Amino acid sequence: MRERKKIKTREAIRGATYALIEEQGYDATTIDQIADRAEVSPSTVFRYFPTKEDIVLTDEFDAVMLEEIRRRPAEEP
């Protein structure tokens, strides 16, 4: 149950960030706005993502993708 709540919070923060960036641009979007839109505190945003940049440049599938790439044959281009 706790893990599902973390996933929902992470998704809410990401969704809020993407919507705000689409509406007003990356530079104009603040952590306070993201937190407000996601209905969490700014400290919660930072607990999940150390920086605003991390929200848009990382995702929970990075480790999965990396592992899948590593499993590919070494000779594969």
C-alpha atoms as a PDB file:
ATOM      1  CA  MET A   1       0.000   0.000   0.000  1.00  0.00           C
ATOM      2  CA  ARG A   2       2.809   2.411   0.906  1.00  0.00           C
ATOM      3  CA  GLU A   3       4.579   1.687  -2.377  1.00  0.00           C
ATOM      4  CA  ARG A   4       1.413   2.451  -4.360  1.00  0.00           C
ATOM      5  CA  LYS A   5       1.060   5.772  -2.566  1.00  0.00           C
ATOM      6  CA  LYS A   6       4.654   6.659  -3.457  1.00  0.00           C
ATOM      7  CA  ILE A   7       3.998   5.812  -7.109  1.00  0.00           C
ATOM      8  CA  LYS A   8       0.838   7.945  -7.149  1.00  0.00           C
ATOM      9  CA  THR A   9       2.687  10.857  -5.566  1.00  0.00           C
ATOM     10  CA  ARG A  10       5.545  10.580  -8.053  1.00  0.00           C
ATOM     11  CA  GLU A  11       3.042  10.460 -10.940  1.00  0.00           C
ATOM     12  CA  ALA A  12       1.143  13.459  -9.564  1.00  0.00           C
ATOM     13  CA  ILE A  13       4.339  15.497  -9.342  1.00  0.00           C
ATOM     14  CA  ARG A  14       5.368  14.521 -12.869  1.00  0.00           C
ATOM     15  CA  GLY A  15       1.921  15.190 -14.294  1.00  0.00           C
ATOM     16  CA  ALA A  16       1.753  18.590 -12.624  1.00  0.00           C
ATOM     17  CA  THR A  17       5.215  19.472 -13.888  1.00  0.00           C
ATOM     18  CA  TYR A  18       4.476  18.482 -17.477  1.00  0.00           C
ATOM     19  CA  ALA A  19       1.180  20.407 -17.470  1.00  0.00           C
ATOM     20  CA  LEU A  20       2.753  23.549 -16.041  1.00  0.00           C
ATOM     21  CA  ILE A  21       5.682  23.408 -18.434  1.00  0.00           C
ATOM     22  CA  GLU A  22       3.285  23.043 -21.347  1.00  0.00           C
ATOM     23  CA  GLU A  23       1.247  26.022 -20.101  1.00  0.00           C
ATOM     24  CA  GLN A  24       4.014  28.434 -19.190  1.00  0.00           C
ATOM     25  CA  GLY A  25       7.400  26.966 -20.082  1.00  0.00           C
ATOM     26  CA  TYR A  26      10.150  25.305 -18.082  1.00  0.00           C
ATOM     27  CA  ASP A  27      11.843  28.449 -16.768  1.00  0.00           C
ATOM     28  CA  ALA A  28       8.591  29.993 -15.539  1.00  0.00           C
ATOM     29  CA  THR A  29       7.552  26.846 -13.672  1.00  0.00           C
ATOM     30  CA  THR A  30       8.483  26.816 -10.000  1.00  0.00           C
ATOM     31  CA  ILE A  31       8.633  24.035  -7.424  1.00  0.00           C
ATOM     32  CA  ASP A  32       5.945  25.843  -5.424  1.00  0.00           C
ATOM     33  CA  GLN A  33       3.627  25.770  -8.446  1.00  0.00           C
ATOM     34  CA  ILE A  34       4.379  22.100  -9.044  1.00  0.00           C
ATOM     35  CA  ALA A  35       3.693  21.263  -5.400  1.00  0.00           C
ATOM     36  CA  ASP A  36       0.443  23.232  -5.428  1.00  0.00           C
ATOM     37  CA  ARG A  37      -0.781  21.549  -8.619  1.00  0.00           C
ATOM     38  CA  ALA A  38       0.214  18.088  -7.350  1.00  0.00           C
ATOM     39  CA  GLU A  39      -1.377  18.821  -3.953  1.00  0.00           C
ATOM     40  CA  VAL A  40       1.822  18.115  -2.020  1.00  0.00           C
ATOM     41  CA  SER A  41       4.298  20.297  -0.161  1.00  0.00           C
ATOM     42  CA  PRO A  42       7.457  21.646  -1.815  1.00  0.00           C
ATOM     43  CA  SER A  43       9.506  19.478   0.554  1.00  0.00           C
ATOM     44  CA  THR A  44       7.638  16.424  -0.748  1.00  0.00           C
ATOM     45  CA  VAL A  45       8.573  17.377  -4.308  1.00  0.00           C
ATOM     46  CA  PHE A  46      12.229  17.556  -3.226  1.00  0.00           C
ATOM     47  CA  ARG A  47      11.934  14.246  -1.372  1.00  0.00           C
ATOM     48  CA  TYR A  48      10.997  12.564  -4.646  1.00  0.00           C
ATOM     49  CA  PHE A  49      13.133  14.671  -7.006  1.00  0.00           C
ATOM     50  CA  PRO A  50      16.287  16.545  -5.894  1.00  0.00           C
ATOM     51  CA  THR A  51      15.846  19.199  -8.605  1.00  0.00           C
ATOM     52  CA  LYS A  52      13.204  20.388 -11.057  1.00  0.00           C
ATOM     53  CA  GLU A  53      15.413  19.087 -13.845  1.00  0.00           C
ATOM     54  CA  ASP A  54      15.271  15.571 -12.366  1.00  0.00           C
ATOM     55  CA  ILE A  55      11.493  15.549 -12.703  1.00  0.00           C
ATOM     56  CA  VAL A  56      11.700  15.802 -16.474  1.00  0.00           C
ATOM     57  CA  LEU A  57      14.992  14.012 -17.150  1.00  0.00           C
ATOM     58  CA  THR A  58      14.527  10.840 -15.100  1.00  0.00           C
ATOM     59  CA  ASP A  59      11.821   8.261 -14.734  1.00  0.00           C
ATOM     60  CA  GLU A  60      11.205   5.042 -12.897  1.00  0.00           C
ATOM     61  CA  PHE A  61      11.919   3.016 -16.007  1.00  0.00           C
ATOM     62  CA  ASP A  62      15.547   4.170 -16.376  1.00  0.00           C
ATOM     63  CA  ALA A  63      16.866   1.182 -14.396  1.00  0.00           C
ATOM     64  CA  VAL A  64      14.630  -1.254 -16.293  1.00  0.00           C
ATOM     65  CA  MET A  65      15.760   0.116 -19.655  1.00  0.00           C
ATOM     66  CA  LEU A  66      19.404   0.007 -18.644  1.00  0.00           C
ATOM     67  CA  GLU A  67      19.098  -3.621 -17.588  1.00  0.00           C
ATOM     68  CA  GLU A  68      17.378  -4.549 -20.856  1.00  0.00           C
ATOM     69  CA  ILE A  69      20.147  -2.867 -22.853  1.00  0.00           C
ATOM     70  CA  ARG A  70      22.792  -4.709 -20.839  1.00  0.00           C
ATOM     71  CA  ARG A  71      21.124  -8.036 -21.645  1.00  0.00           C
ATOM     72  CA  ARG A  72      21.500  -7.474 -25.371  1.00  0.00           C
ATOM     73  CA  PRO A  73      24.357  -9.342 -27.090  1.00  0.00           C
ATOM     74  CA  ALA A  74      27.663  -7.457 -26.931  1.00  0.00           C
ATOM     75  CA  GLU A  75      28.102  -7.736 -30.693  1.00  0.00           C
ATOM     76  CA  GLU A  76      24.743  -6.126 -31.397  1.00  0.00           C
ATOM     77  CA  PRO A  77      25.141  -2.602 -32.780  1.00  0.00           C
END
